[in-house]
Every structure is written in C-alpha cells, then in structure tokens.
C-alpha atoms as a PDB file:
ATOM      1  CA  MET A   1       0.022  -0.020   0.007  1.00  0.00           C
ATOM      2  CA  SER A   2       3.037   2.249   0.029  1.00  0.00           C
ATOM      3  CA  GLY A   3       2.460   5.181  -2.365  1.00  0.00           C
ATOM      4  CA  ILE A   4      -1.370   4.874  -2.260  1.00  0.00           C
ATOM      5  CA  ASN A   5      -2.777   8.276  -1.236  1.00  0.00           C
ATOM      6  CA  ILE A   6      -6.284   7.818   0.079  1.00  0.00           C
ATOM      7  CA  LEU A   7      -6.903  11.527  -0.179  1.00  0.00           C
ATOM      8  CA  GLN A   8      -6.971  11.359  -3.988  1.00  0.00           C
ATOM      9  CA  PRO A   9     -10.308  10.719  -5.688  1.00  0.00           C
ATOM     10  CA  PRO A  10     -10.379   7.320  -7.359  1.00  0.00           C
ATOM     11  CA  LYS A  11      -9.869   6.502 -11.003  1.00  0.00           C
ATOM     12  CA  PRO A  12     -12.926   5.367 -12.978  1.00  0.00           C
ATOM     13  CA  ASP A  13     -11.918   1.714 -12.916  1.00  0.00           C
ATOM     14  CA  ALA A  14     -11.722   1.652  -9.088  1.00  0.00           C
ATOM     15  CA  PHE A  15     -15.445   1.500  -8.403  1.00  0.00           C
ATOM     16  CA  ALA A  16     -16.471  -1.661  -6.540  1.00  0.00           C
ATOM     17  CA  ARG A  17     -19.006  -4.072  -7.867  1.00  0.00           C
ATOM     18  CA  PHE A  18     -21.326  -6.242  -5.827  1.00  0.00           C
ATOM     19  CA  ARG A  19     -23.072  -9.532  -6.445  1.00  0.00           C
ATOM     20  CA  GLU A  20     -26.381  -8.990  -8.221  1.00  0.00           C
ATOM     21  CA  ASP A  21     -28.346 -10.458  -5.302  1.00  0.00           C
ATOM     22  CA  PHE A  22     -26.856  -7.867  -2.907  1.00  0.00           C
ATOM     23  CA  GLY A  23     -29.235  -5.234  -4.254  1.00  0.00           C
ATOM     24  CA  GLN A  24     -29.212  -1.954  -2.393  1.00  0.00           C
ATOM     25  CA  ARG A  25     -28.422  -1.865   1.338  1.00  0.00           C
ATOM     26  CA  PHE A  26     -27.790   0.519   4.173  1.00  0.00           C
ATOM     27  CA  ILE A  27     -25.590   0.672   7.265  1.00  0.00           C
ATOM     28  CA  VAL A  28     -25.889   2.739  10.465  1.00  0.00           C
ATOM     29  CA  THR A  29     -22.534   3.928  11.765  1.00  0.00           C
ATOM     30  CA  VAL A  30     -22.179   5.489  15.205  1.00  0.00           C
ATOM     31  CA  ASP A  31     -19.252   7.770  15.869  1.00  0.00           C
ATOM     32  CA  THR A  32     -18.867   6.363  19.428  1.00  0.00           C
ATOM     33  CA  GLU A  33     -16.950   9.002  21.257  1.00  0.00           C
ATOM     34  CA  GLU A  34     -16.475  11.034  24.455  1.00  0.00           C
ATOM     35  CA  GLU A  35     -18.586  14.043  25.347  1.00  0.00           C
ATOM     36  CA  PHE A  36     -16.936  17.496  25.103  1.00  0.00           C
ATOM     37  CA  ASP A  37     -17.916  21.123  24.504  1.00  0.00           C
ATOM     38  CA  TRP A  38     -18.383  21.488  20.786  1.00  0.00           C
ATOM     39  CA  ASP A  39     -18.046  25.247  20.998  1.00  0.00           C
ATOM     40  CA  ALA A  40     -14.796  25.281  22.982  1.00  0.00           C
ATOM     41  CA  PRO A  41     -11.234  24.651  21.814  1.00  0.00           C
ATOM     42  CA  LEU A  42     -10.237  21.030  21.809  1.00  0.00           C
ATOM     43  CA  ASP A  43      -8.883  19.893  25.159  1.00  0.00           C
ATOM     44  CA  ARG A  44      -7.048  16.705  25.992  1.00  0.00           C
ATOM     45  CA  ASP A  45      -8.466  16.483  29.510  1.00  0.00           C
ATOM     46  CA  ARG A  46     -11.905  18.090  29.535  1.00  0.00           C
ATOM     47  CA  TYR A  47     -14.253  15.355  28.483  1.00  0.00           C
ATOM     48  CA  SER A  48     -16.489  12.582  29.908  1.00  0.00           C
ATOM     49  CA  THR A  49     -17.979   9.285  28.799  1.00  0.00           C
ATOM     50  CA  VAL A  50     -21.306   9.201  30.653  1.00  0.00           C
ATOM     51  CA  THR A  51     -23.326   8.681  27.466  1.00  0.00           C
ATOM     52  CA  VAL A  52     -21.737   5.246  26.824  1.00  0.00           C
ATOM     53  CA  SER A  53     -24.588   3.684  28.862  1.00  0.00           C
ATOM     54  CA  ALA A  54     -27.117   5.136  26.393  1.00  0.00           C
ATOM     55  CA  LEU A  55     -25.777   2.887  23.652  1.00  0.00           C
ATOM     56  CA  ARG A  56     -27.602  -0.037  25.169  1.00  0.00           C
ATOM     57  CA  GLN A  57     -31.032   1.484  24.497  1.00  0.00           C
ATOM     58  CA  PHE A  58     -30.043   2.417  20.918  1.00  0.00           C
ATOM     59  CA  GLN A  59     -28.804  -1.145  20.366  1.00  0.00           C
ATOM     60  CA  GLU A  60     -32.075  -2.617  21.524  1.00  0.00           C
ATOM     61  CA  PHE A  61     -33.987  -0.125  19.380  1.00  0.00           C
ATOM     62  CA  CYS A  62     -31.976  -1.118  16.287  1.00  0.00           C
ATOM     63  CA  GLU A  63     -32.393  -4.815  16.978  1.00  0.00           C
ATOM     64  CA  GLY A  64     -36.127  -4.273  16.848  1.00  0.00           C
ATOM     65  CA  PHE A  65     -35.750  -3.304  13.201  1.00  0.00           C
ATOM     66  CA  GLY A  66     -33.225  -5.996  12.375  1.00  0.00           C
ATOM     67  CA  VAL A  67     -30.456  -3.370  12.057  1.00  0.00           C
ATOM     68  CA  LYS A  68     -26.921  -4.156  13.095  1.00  0.00           C
ATOM     69  CA  PRO A  69     -25.241  -0.892  14.219  1.00  0.00           C
ATOM     70  CA  ILE A  70     -21.558  -0.328  13.569  1.00  0.00           C
ATOM     71  CA  TYR A  71     -19.938   1.372  16.557  1.00  0.00           C
ATOM     72  CA  LEU A  72     -16.785   3.280  15.554  1.00  0.00           C
ATOM     73  CA  VAL A  73     -15.057   3.537  18.909  1.00  0.00           C
ATOM     74  CA  ASP A  74     -12.443   6.039  19.985  1.00  0.00           C
ATOM     75  CA  TYR A  75      -9.935   5.748  22.824  1.00  0.00           C
ATOM     76  CA  PRO A  76     -11.829   7.267  25.764  1.00  0.00           C
ATOM     77  CA  VAL A  77     -14.849   5.021  24.970  1.00  0.00           C
ATOM     78  CA  ALA A  78     -12.677   1.909  24.516  1.00  0.00           C
ATOM     79  CA  GLU A  79     -11.261   2.637  28.003  1.00  0.00           C
ATOM     80  CA  SER A  80     -14.673   3.190  29.621  1.00  0.00           C
ATOM     81  CA  PRO A  81     -15.747   0.435  32.063  1.00  0.00           C
ATOM     82  CA  ARG A  82     -19.316   1.020  30.813  1.00  0.00           C
ATOM     83  CA  ILE A  83     -18.678  -0.162  27.250  1.00  0.00           C
ATOM     84  CA  PRO A  84     -18.771  -3.964  27.773  1.00  0.00           C
ATOM     85  CA  GLU A  85     -22.115  -3.755  29.548  1.00  0.00           C
ATOM     86  CA  ALA A  86     -23.549  -1.346  26.952  1.00  0.00           C
ATOM     87  CA  ILE A  87     -22.747  -3.206  23.734  1.00  0.00           C
ATOM     88  CA  GLY A  88     -20.242  -5.961  24.526  1.00  0.00           C
ATOM     89  CA  ASN A  89     -22.711  -8.809  24.368  1.00  0.00           C
ATOM     90  CA  ALA A  90     -24.319  -7.460  21.196  1.00  0.00           C
ATOM     91  CA  VAL A  91     -20.902  -7.329  19.464  1.00  0.00           C
ATOM     92  CA  SER A  92     -20.031 -10.858  20.704  1.00  0.00           C
ATOM     93  CA  ALA A  93     -23.344 -12.238  19.549  1.00  0.00           C
ATOM     94  CA  GLY A  94     -23.027 -10.609  16.108  1.00  0.00           C
ATOM     95  CA  ARG A  95     -25.980  -8.178  16.647  1.00  0.00           C
ATOM     96  CA  ALA A  96     -23.526  -5.250  16.307  1.00  0.00           C
ATOM     97  CA  GLU A  97     -20.101  -4.608  14.869  1.00  0.00           C
ATOM     98  CA  VAL A  98     -17.260  -2.535  16.243  1.00  0.00           C
ATOM     99  CA  GLY A  99     -14.801  -0.359  14.361  1.00  0.00           C
ATOM    100  CA  VAL A 100     -12.070   2.244  15.022  1.00  0.00           C
ATOM    101  CA  GLN A 101     -12.487   5.998  15.207  1.00  0.00           C
ATOM    102  CA  LEU A 102      -9.321   7.994  15.943  1.00  0.00           C
ATOM    103  CA  HIS A 103      -9.559  11.236  17.846  1.00  0.00           C
ATOM    104  CA  PRO A 104      -5.846  12.049  17.997  1.00  0.00           C
ATOM    105  CA  TRP A 105      -6.058  14.659  20.764  1.00  0.00           C
ATOM    106  CA  VAL A 106      -7.372  12.094  23.262  1.00  0.00           C
ATOM    107  CA  SER A 107      -5.444   9.040  21.943  1.00  0.00           C
ATOM    108  CA  PRO A 108      -2.010   8.204  23.281  1.00  0.00           C
ATOM    109  CA  PRO A 109       0.820   8.774  22.817  1.00  0.00           C
ATOM    110  CA  PHE A 110       0.411  12.464  23.513  1.00  0.00           C
ATOM    111  CA  ASP A 111       3.433  13.720  21.615  1.00  0.00           C
ATOM    112  CA  GLU A 112       1.800  16.458  19.600  1.00  0.00           C
ATOM    113  CA  GLU A 113       0.439  19.866  20.472  1.00  0.00           C
ATOM    114  CA  VAL A 114      -3.382  20.017  20.709  1.00  0.00           C
ATOM    115  CA  SER A 115      -4.507  22.192  17.794  1.00  0.00           C
ATOM    116  CA  GLU A 116      -7.076  22.412  15.036  1.00  0.00           C
ATOM    117  CA  PHE A 117      -4.484  21.256  12.475  1.00  0.00           C
ATOM    118  CA  ASN A 118      -3.404  18.276  14.622  1.00  0.00           C
ATOM    119  CA  SER A 119      -7.022  17.262  15.276  1.00  0.00           C
ATOM    120  CA  TYR A 120      -6.896  15.688  11.805  1.00  0.00           C
ATOM    121  CA  ALA A 121      -4.917  12.507  12.405  1.00  0.00           C
ATOM    122  CA  GLY A 122      -3.678  12.433   8.845  1.00  0.00           C
ATOM    123  CA  ASN A 123      -1.790  15.681   9.422  1.00  0.00           C
ATOM    124  CA  LEU A 124       0.416  14.086  12.114  1.00  0.00           C
ATOM    125  CA  PRO A 125       3.822  12.586  11.275  1.00  0.00           C
ATOM    126  CA  PHE A 126       3.279   9.069   9.895  1.00  0.00           C
ATOM    127  CA  THR A 127       4.926   7.339  12.835  1.00  0.00           C
ATOM    128  CA  LEU A 128       2.717   9.161  15.332  1.00  0.00           C
ATOM    129  CA  GLU A 129      -0.462   8.532  13.391  1.00  0.00           C
ATOM    130  CA  ARG A 130       0.403   4.886  13.203  1.00  0.00           C
ATOM    131  CA  GLU A 131       1.250   4.551  16.902  1.00  0.00           C
ATOM    132  CA  LYS A 132      -1.959   6.242  17.965  1.00  0.00           C
ATOM    133  CA  PHE A 133      -3.913   3.891  15.670  1.00  0.00           C
ATOM    134  CA  ALA A 134      -1.997   0.880  16.922  1.00  0.00           C
ATOM    135  CA  ARG A 135      -2.704   1.591  20.593  1.00  0.00           C
ATOM    136  CA  LEU A 136      -6.402   2.315  19.915  1.00  0.00           C
ATOM    137  CA  HIS A 137      -6.724  -0.842  17.864  1.00  0.00           C
ATOM    138  CA  ALA A 138      -5.160  -2.963  20.596  1.00  0.00           C
ATOM    139  CA  ARG A 139      -7.427  -1.394  23.190  1.00  0.00           C
ATOM    140  CA  ILE A 140     -10.548  -2.152  21.113  1.00  0.00           C
ATOM    141  CA  VAL A 141      -9.467  -5.770  20.657  1.00  0.00           C
ATOM    142  CA  GLU A 142      -8.905  -6.025  24.408  1.00  0.00           C
ATOM    143  CA  ALA A 143     -12.301  -4.489  25.211  1.00  0.00           C
ATOM    144  CA  PHE A 144     -14.363  -6.533  22.762  1.00  0.00           C
ATOM    145  CA  GLY A 145     -12.395  -9.635  22.043  1.00  0.00           C
ATOM    146  CA  THR A 146     -12.584  -9.129  18.303  1.00  0.00           C
ATOM    147  CA  ALA A 147     -10.473  -7.307  15.693  1.00  0.00           C
ATOM    148  CA  PRO A 148     -12.238  -4.307  14.071  1.00  0.00           C
ATOM    149  CA  ARG A 149     -12.502  -4.257  10.287  1.00  0.00           C
ATOM    150  CA  ILE A 150     -13.781  -0.751   9.635  1.00  0.00           C
ATOM    151  CA  TYR A 151     -12.276   2.703  10.283  1.00  0.00           C
ATOM    152  CA  ARG A 152     -13.411   6.298  10.402  1.00  0.00           C
ATOM    153  CA  ALA A 153     -10.916   9.106  11.008  1.00  0.00           C
ATOM    154  CA  GLY A 154     -12.177  11.489  13.639  1.00  0.00           C
ATOM    155  CA  ARG A 155     -13.229  14.750  11.928  1.00  0.00           C
ATOM    156  CA  TYR A 156     -12.835  12.767   8.694  1.00  0.00           C
ATOM    157  CA  GLY A 157      -9.083  13.448   8.932  1.00  0.00           C
ATOM    158  CA  LEU A 158      -7.419  10.986   6.568  1.00  0.00           C
ATOM    159  CA  GLY A 159      -3.794  11.483   5.601  1.00  0.00           C
ATOM    160  CA  PRO A 160      -1.726  10.558   2.555  1.00  0.00           C
ATOM    161  CA  ARG A 161      -0.424   7.406   4.231  1.00  0.00           C
ATOM    162  CA  THR A 162      -3.431   6.374   6.317  1.00  0.00           C
ATOM    163  CA  ALA A 163      -4.246   3.549   3.883  1.00  0.00           C
ATOM    164  CA  GLU A 164      -0.855   1.989   4.627  1.00  0.00           C
ATOM    165  CA  ILE A 165      -1.754   1.887   8.340  1.00  0.00           C
ATOM    166  CA  LEU A 166      -5.191   0.484   7.806  1.00  0.00           C
ATOM    167  CA  THR A 167      -4.085  -2.418   5.653  1.00  0.00           C
ATOM    168  CA  GLU A 168      -1.220  -3.258   8.042  1.00  0.00           C
ATOM    169  CA  PHE A 169      -3.815  -3.815  10.752  1.00  0.00           C
ATOM    170  CA  GLY A 170      -6.357  -5.742   8.699  1.00  0.00           C
ATOM    171  CA  ILE A 171      -8.918  -2.998   8.200  1.00  0.00           C
ATOM    172  CA  ALA A 172     -11.090  -3.954   5.263  1.00  0.00           C
ATOM    173  CA  ILE A 173     -13.265  -0.811   4.973  1.00  0.00           C
ATOM    174  CA  ASP A 174     -12.542   2.879   5.449  1.00  0.00           C
ATOM    175  CA  SER A 175     -15.551   5.196   5.838  1.00  0.00           C
ATOM    176  CA  SER A 176     -13.821   8.562   6.413  1.00  0.00           C
ATOM    177  CA  VAL A 177     -14.527  10.195   3.071  1.00  0.00           C
ATOM    178  CA  ARG A 178     -17.338  12.672   3.499  1.00  0.00           C
ATOM    179  CA  ALA A 179     -18.186  13.308  -0.117  1.00  0.00           C
ATOM    180  CA  ARG A 180     -19.516  16.791  -0.943  1.00  0.00           C
ATOM    181  CA  PHE A 181     -17.671  18.382   2.062  1.00  0.00           C
ATOM    182  CA  ASP A 182     -14.472  20.461   2.152  1.00  0.00           C
ATOM    183  CA  TYR A 183     -12.530  20.829   5.446  1.00  0.00           C
ATOM    184  CA  SER A 184      -9.404  22.411   3.946  1.00  0.00           C
ATOM    185  CA  SER A 185     -10.137  25.851   5.396  1.00  0.00           C
ATOM    186  CA  ALA A 186      -9.378  24.420   8.842  1.00  0.00           C
ATOM    187  CA  GLY A 187      -6.484  22.309   7.682  1.00  0.00           C
ATOM    188  CA  GLY A 188      -8.476  19.178   6.927  1.00  0.00           C
ATOM    189  CA  PRO A 189      -9.153  17.174   3.751  1.00  0.00           C
ATOM    190  CA  ASN A 190     -11.191  18.297   0.776  1.00  0.00           C
ATOM    191  CA  TYR A 191     -13.686  15.567  -0.305  1.00  0.00           C
ATOM    192  CA  ARG A 192     -15.679  17.697  -2.698  1.00  0.00           C
ATOM    193  CA  GLU A 193     -14.570  15.745  -5.779  1.00  0.00           C
ATOM    194  CA  HIS A 194     -14.848  12.274  -4.211  1.00  0.00           C
ATOM    195  CA  PRO A 195     -17.711  10.042  -5.333  1.00  0.00           C
ATOM    196  CA  LEU A 196     -20.511   8.553  -3.271  1.00  0.00           C
ATOM    197  CA  ARG A 197     -20.143   5.087  -4.728  1.00  0.00           C
ATOM    198  CA  PRO A 198     -17.872   2.555  -2.939  1.00  0.00           C
ATOM    199  CA  TYR A 199     -14.472   2.182  -4.523  1.00  0.00           C
ATOM    200  CA  TRP A 200     -11.213   0.371  -4.030  1.00  0.00           C
ATOM    201  CA  VAL A 201      -8.439   2.468  -2.574  1.00  0.00           C
ATOM    202  CA  ASP A 202      -5.690   0.220  -3.951  1.00  0.00           C
ATOM    203  CA  PRO A 203      -5.320  -1.882  -7.096  1.00  0.00           C
ATOM    204  CA  ALA A 204      -4.924  -5.054  -5.003  1.00  0.00           C
ATOM    205  CA  LYS A 205      -8.442  -4.529  -3.639  1.00  0.00           C
ATOM    206  CA  ARG A 206      -7.419  -4.782  -0.044  1.00  0.00           C
ATOM    207  CA  LEU A 207      -9.088  -1.632   1.225  1.00  0.00           C
ATOM    208  CA  LEU A 208     -12.656  -0.598   0.261  1.00  0.00           C
ATOM    209  CA  GLU A 209     -13.710   3.019   0.660  1.00  0.00           C
ATOM    210  CA  LEU A 210     -17.350   3.403   1.737  1.00  0.00           C
ATOM    211  CA  PRO A 211     -18.065   7.168   1.623  1.00  0.00           C
ATOM    212  CA  LEU A 212     -20.670   8.703   3.914  1.00  0.00           C
ATOM    213  CA  THR A 213     -23.809   9.459   1.967  1.00  0.00           C
ATOM    214  CA  THR A 214     -24.603  13.039   1.174  1.00  0.00           C
ATOM    215  CA  VAL A 215     -26.682  14.046  -1.848  1.00  0.00           C
ATOM    216  CA  TYR A 216     -27.853  17.192  -3.589  1.00  0.00           C
ATOM    217  CA  TRP A 217     -31.553  17.796  -3.998  1.00  0.00           C
ATOM    218  CA  GLY A 218     -33.375  20.215  -6.235  1.00  0.00           C
ATOM    219  CA  PRO A 219     -33.329  21.415  -9.861  1.00  0.00           C
ATOM    220  CA  LEU A 220     -29.759  22.626  -9.468  1.00  0.00           C
ATOM    221  CA  ARG A 221     -28.453  19.403  -7.929  1.00  0.00           C
ATOM    222  CA  GLN A 222     -26.470  18.372 -10.976  1.00  0.00           C
ATOM    223  CA  MET A 223     -24.459  21.571 -10.461  1.00  0.00           C
ATOM    224  CA  GLY A 224     -24.175  21.144  -6.673  1.00  0.00           C
ATOM    225  CA  ASN A 225     -20.449  20.549  -6.663  1.00  0.00           C
ATOM    226  CA  ALA A 226     -19.836  23.667  -8.701  1.00  0.00           C
ATOM    227  CA  ILE A 227     -22.215  25.944  -6.679  1.00  0.00           C
ATOM    228  CA  TYR A 228     -21.658  24.832  -3.089  1.00  0.00           C
ATOM    229  CA  PRO A 229     -17.970  25.638  -2.752  1.00  0.00           C
ATOM    230  CA  HIS A 230     -18.758  29.310  -3.481  1.00  0.00           C
ATOM    231  CA  LEU A 231     -21.449  29.455  -0.765  1.00  0.00           C
ATOM    232  CA  TRP A 232     -19.503  28.322   2.323  1.00  0.00           C
ATOM    233  CA  ARG A 233     -19.127  31.921   3.401  1.00  0.00           C
ATOM    234  CA  ALA A 234     -22.704  32.790   2.473  1.00  0.00           C
ATOM    235  CA  PRO A 235     -25.038  30.677   4.694  1.00  0.00           C
ATOM    236  CA  GLN A 236     -27.924  32.975   3.951  1.00  0.00           C
ATOM    237  CA  VAL A 237     -27.654  32.226   0.232  1.00  0.00           C
ATOM    238  CA  ARG A 238     -27.529  28.492   1.006  1.00  0.00           C
ATOM    239  CA  GLY A 239     -30.632  28.908   3.123  1.00  0.00           C
ATOM    240  CA  VAL A 240     -32.476  30.675   0.316  1.00  0.00           C
ATOM    241  CA  LEU A 241     -31.597  27.951  -2.164  1.00  0.00           C
ATOM    242  CA  ALA A 242     -32.792  25.252   0.254  1.00  0.00           C
ATOM    243  CA  ARG A 243     -36.030  27.053   1.174  1.00  0.00           C
ATOM    244  CA  THR A 244     -36.881  27.697  -2.447  1.00  0.00           C
ATOM    245  CA  GLY A 245     -36.154  24.060  -3.312  1.00  0.00           C
ATOM    246  CA  LEU A 246     -33.465  24.926  -5.870  1.00  0.00           C
ATOM    247  CA  LEU A 247     -30.529  23.271  -4.186  1.00  0.00           C
ATOM    248  CA  GLU A 248     -30.122  21.492  -0.899  1.00  0.00           C
ATOM    249  CA  ARG A 249     -27.270  19.355   0.453  1.00  0.00           C
ATOM    250  CA  ILE A 250     -28.601  16.421   2.472  1.00  0.00           C
ATOM    251  CA  ALA A 251     -26.393  14.261   4.580  1.00  0.00           C
ATOM    252  CA  LEU A 252     -27.958  10.981   5.903  1.00  0.00           C
ATOM    253  CA  THR A 253     -27.785  11.898   9.570  1.00  0.00           C
ATOM    254  CA  PRO A 254     -30.392  12.805  12.180  1.00  0.00           C
ATOM    255  CA  GLU A 255     -28.115  15.678  13.339  1.00  0.00           C
ATOM    256  CA  GLY A 256     -29.314  18.845  11.714  1.00  0.00           C
ATOM    257  CA  ILE A 257     -31.294  17.056   8.984  1.00  0.00           C
ATOM    258  CA  SER A 258     -35.078  16.772   9.321  1.00  0.00           C
ATOM    259  CA  VAL A 259     -36.994  13.611   8.658  1.00  0.00           C
ATOM    260  CA  ASP A 260     -38.492  15.055   5.449  1.00  0.00           C
ATOM    261  CA  GLU A 261     -35.060  16.072   4.168  1.00  0.00           C
ATOM    262  CA  ALA A 262     -33.618  12.688   4.961  1.00  0.00           C
ATOM    263  CA  LEU A 263     -36.433  10.899   3.188  1.00  0.00           C
ATOM    264  CA  ARG A 264     -35.752  12.975   0.092  1.00  0.00           C
ATOM    265  CA  GLY A 265     -32.071  12.188   0.419  1.00  0.00           C
ATOM    266  CA  VAL A 266     -32.760   8.502   0.689  1.00  0.00           C
ATOM    267  CA  ASP A 267     -34.970   8.516  -2.432  1.00  0.00           C
ATOM    268  CA  ILE A 268     -32.269  10.323  -4.398  1.00  0.00           C
ATOM    269  CA  ALA A 269     -29.588   7.890  -3.294  1.00  0.00           C
ATOM    270  CA  ILE A 270     -31.783   4.899  -4.180  1.00  0.00           C
ATOM    271  CA  ASP A 271     -32.739   6.371  -7.549  1.00  0.00           C
ATOM    272  CA  ASP A 272     -29.057   7.098  -8.253  1.00  0.00           C
ATOM    273  CA  GLY A 273     -28.401   3.389  -7.722  1.00  0.00           C
ATOM    274  CA  LEU A 274     -26.072   3.666  -4.762  1.00  0.00           C
ATOM    275  CA  PRO A 275     -25.332   0.111  -3.549  1.00  0.00           C
ATOM    276  CA  VAL A 276     -24.794   1.102   0.061  1.00  0.00           C
ATOM    277  CA  LEU A 277     -26.293   4.074   1.872  1.00  0.00           C
ATOM    278  CA  VAL A 278     -24.188   5.173   4.831  1.00  0.00           C
ATOM    279  CA  PHE A 279     -25.900   6.777   7.797  1.00  0.00           C
ATOM    280  CA  SER A 280     -23.992   8.341  10.621  1.00  0.00           C
ATOM    281  CA  PHE A 281     -24.340  10.293  13.859  1.00  0.00           C
ATOM    282  CA  HIS A 282     -22.455  10.952  17.113  1.00  0.00           C
ATOM    283  CA  SER A 283     -23.136   8.739  20.177  1.00  0.00           C
ATOM    284  CA  PRO A 284     -23.350  11.687  22.638  1.00  0.00           C
ATOM    285  CA  SER A 285     -26.558  12.632  20.850  1.00  0.00           C
ATOM    286  CA  LEU A 286     -28.146   9.629  22.534  1.00  0.00           C
ATOM    287  CA  ALA A 287     -28.507  11.566  25.808  1.00  0.00           C
ATOM    288  CA  PRO A 288     -29.730  15.142  26.262  1.00  0.00           C
ATOM    289  CA  GLY A 289     -27.334  18.034  26.721  1.00  0.00           C
ATOM    290  CA  HIS A 290     -24.128  16.738  25.102  1.00  0.00           C
ATOM    291  CA  THR A 291     -24.443  17.837  21.456  1.00  0.00           C
ATOM    292  CA  PRO A 292     -26.140  20.848  19.812  1.00  0.00           C
ATOM    293  CA  TYR A 293     -28.651  18.431  18.258  1.00  0.00           C
ATOM    294  CA  VAL A 294     -30.172  16.837  21.414  1.00  0.00           C
ATOM    295  CA  GLN A 295     -30.597  19.321  24.239  1.00  0.00           C
ATOM    296  CA  ASP A 296     -33.644  17.858  26.027  1.00  0.00           C
ATOM    297  CA  VAL A 297     -35.882  14.791  26.207  1.00  0.00           C
ATOM    298  CA  GLN A 298     -38.082  16.067  23.352  1.00  0.00           C
ATOM    299  CA  ASP A 299     -35.030  16.285  21.113  1.00  0.00           C
ATOM    300  CA  LEU A 300     -34.061  12.741  22.022  1.00  0.00           C
ATOM    301  CA  ASN A 301     -37.551  11.484  21.304  1.00  0.00           C
ATOM    302  CA  ARG A 302     -37.374  13.213  17.918  1.00  0.00           C
ATOM    303  CA  LEU A 303     -34.028  11.527  17.220  1.00  0.00           C
ATOM    304  CA  TYR A 304     -35.497   8.089  17.831  1.00  0.00           C
ATOM    305  CA  ASP A 305     -38.567   8.926  15.806  1.00  0.00           C
ATOM    306  CA  TRP A 306     -36.250  10.061  12.966  1.00  0.00           C
ATOM    307  CA  TRP A 307     -34.705   6.605  12.885  1.00  0.00           C
ATOM    308  CA  ARG A 308     -38.093   4.920  13.210  1.00  0.00           C
ATOM    309  CA  GLN A 309     -39.375   6.709  10.146  1.00  0.00           C
ATOM    310  CA  LEU A 310     -36.216   6.182   8.127  1.00  0.00           C
ATOM    311  CA  PHE A 311     -36.099   2.465   8.895  1.00  0.00           C
ATOM    312  CA  GLY A 312     -39.752   2.146   7.844  1.00  0.00           C
ATOM    313  CA  HIS A 313     -39.176   4.061   4.598  1.00  0.00           C
ATOM    314  CA  LEU A 314     -36.084   2.012   3.727  1.00  0.00           C
ATOM    315  CA  ALA A 315     -38.100  -1.236   4.319  1.00  0.00           C
ATOM    316  CA  ARG A 316     -40.870   0.018   1.974  1.00  0.00           C
ATOM    317  CA  ARG A 317     -38.213   0.782  -0.660  1.00  0.00           C
ATOM    318  CA  ASP A 318     -36.731  -2.729  -0.258  1.00  0.00           C
ATOM    319  CA  VAL A 319     -33.421  -1.414   0.991  1.00  0.00           C
ATOM    320  CA  LEU A 320     -32.194  -3.868   3.579  1.00  0.00           C
ATOM    321  CA  PRO A 321     -29.742  -3.337   6.456  1.00  0.00           C
ATOM    322  CA  THR A 322     -26.296  -4.790   6.026  1.00  0.00           C
ATOM    323  CA  SER A 323     -22.968  -5.083   7.853  1.00  0.00           C
ATOM    324  CA  VAL A 324     -19.219  -4.963   7.326  1.00  0.00           C
ATOM    325  CA  GLY A 325     -19.138  -8.764   7.075  1.00  0.00           C
ATOM    326  CA  GLU A 326     -21.923  -8.906   4.473  1.00  0.00           C
ATOM    327  CA  ILE A 327     -20.440  -6.112   2.431  1.00  0.00           C
ATOM    328  CA  MET A 328     -17.030  -7.795   2.209  1.00  0.00           C
ATOM    329  CA  HIS A 329     -18.676 -11.078   1.343  1.00  0.00           C
ATOM    330  CA  ALA A 330     -20.775  -9.552  -1.435  1.00  0.00           C
ATOM    331  CA  VAL A 331     -18.135  -7.310  -3.070  1.00  0.00           C
ATOM    332  CA  GLU A 332     -16.563  -8.781  -6.145  1.00  0.00           C
ATOM    333  CA  LEU A 333     -12.792  -9.130  -6.135  1.00  0.00           C
ATOM    334  CA  ALA A 334     -12.335 -10.233  -9.740  1.00  0.00           C
END
C-alpha cells in the first residue's frame, strides 16, 4: 500500500461491484466518542464518557428493526468500564459490529500539540499517526475480544499514508470520506470531488472506501459541486436555495437534517443506484445536553422517531440493512 494516497479521488476503474443479489443496502454507523464542549477549543483532559450507557437503548432499538449498528469507537470510549455492559454482548453475539475512530487529541501517545491542524490525524507525522492507531486498535481488541475491520478518522481526517496503516492492521473498509464536504479551510481534507459510490483504494483491492452518503436535491443538484464551494461563506444564500427548493445538500444523519429532508435524500440515493447508503451520527446525541442536536428529552424522542421513520421508509423501498461482514462477502474481487 506504500504510495497509495487515500486523499486522492479514485480512477474510474476503481469502483467496486457487488453480487447481483446484494441489491441496495444501508448501514448505520455510530461515531462512538467522548462528550466534550463542541463550542470550546479542543482539550485533551476536559471530556467525559457518561453517554456510553445510552448505547444499550439504541442497540435494543436497532435490533427491533433488524439493524446491526456499527460502533466506531475512540480511545476514551474503549477505556470506559461501561462499554462492555452497553454493547459488549451485542458485538459478541453478532448483533452489532465494532470499528475504529481515531480522535488524536485524546489518543495516546500524547506527543503532539493540541491544535485544530493536529485534530486531523492524517496531518500528524506518519509514525505518530500509526502509533496512535496501533494503541487504539489494541485497546478495542482487548475491550471486545474481536479485531475491528472498519475505520473512520475523527473529523474525517485522513492522511496521505493512512491507507498504509489500515491495511497493516487488517482494516477492510474505510468510511472517512465525507463526499460533498471540504474541510481544507481548517487544515483538513477536501472531499468535494470524491464520489458517493464505494471504490477500491488500492489496485490489489485490499481496502474498500465506503463514503458517507450526502446528496444534492433540487433542480440545481447536478451543479451542486460547482455551486456549493462558493457558498460556504454565504449561509444565507444556502438557506435561500434550500427554502426555495433549488438546491439542498442532504447528509444522511439525524443531526441537523429533518425527517423530510432525509427521506428525500434516501430516495435520491436509491434512484441514483447507490449500492450502500451510509448513515452516521455521534453517540453523545443519545442523551440530552451533550451535542447541539439533542438538548432535552423532546429532542431525544425526535431523534428516535427520525430513525423509526427512516427504517420504515427503507423497508418500503426494499433497501435492507447490512454489515461490514456482508459487504465484504458481497463485493466482487475479480
């Protein structure tokens, strides 16, 4: 994998193909992380993990719909004594899967300065990025008794040699690419030109990229990638385009996206023939008061209702839930 830069958009022949009977599927990924003040500067010491216990209710909720959540766990959560009770049995029994999420500022070794730039793990020196990943990977294996096979960089912060690290540790799927988003103004990656369809990172087909699903909706959606980059400093213009129905960017997440918006986004993704729809959200949203999206019990009820309606709609559209194991079994290697 040396020389493979995961930050580069794929070539046309890199798109993955799936067995015909795989159809269209979806996964639910949970960025399973510590609680911290989203409005304050990043801090290595000022965090908690009290919402880990709330994962158990979400797990039971998903099981009621036949959905197998994928918990992308970072270091503070992997160290929490609450995590085995919350989802350990579900992972052991195959009712959930566990993956890796690297928040470098709270992952040892602490050899770098805490800063916005260094919060993207791919910006760190290769040896430090690798060591942080290695220690987190080992802690997850210790906590769950199984080796994770999927990764998401915290803050979507891939680096030019991240793929080398992932394949060394047996990671089969990366899901860090947030297509349609550009984080370069803060020192992070630019994924504006990356596709939504799954693709192979390397010619040997050892690492599959499964981008998070974000679609454009509206009459101008075919020009979304050309228009949106010019609007990041003009939120009022973006709001006008969305309210008038001309152009809307819809990420498949309950955080900041209404049910109606998400349903439109799902229908677009299905009609566009995406083989896997990737949903995501942050685990601290499972308890009130820890993210901007869930501040009280009513917000939490709305979050669960959001999932309830989305799962029902996906079932009516014959889009079934899937998992890391099923995806890797269904993807064609030839």
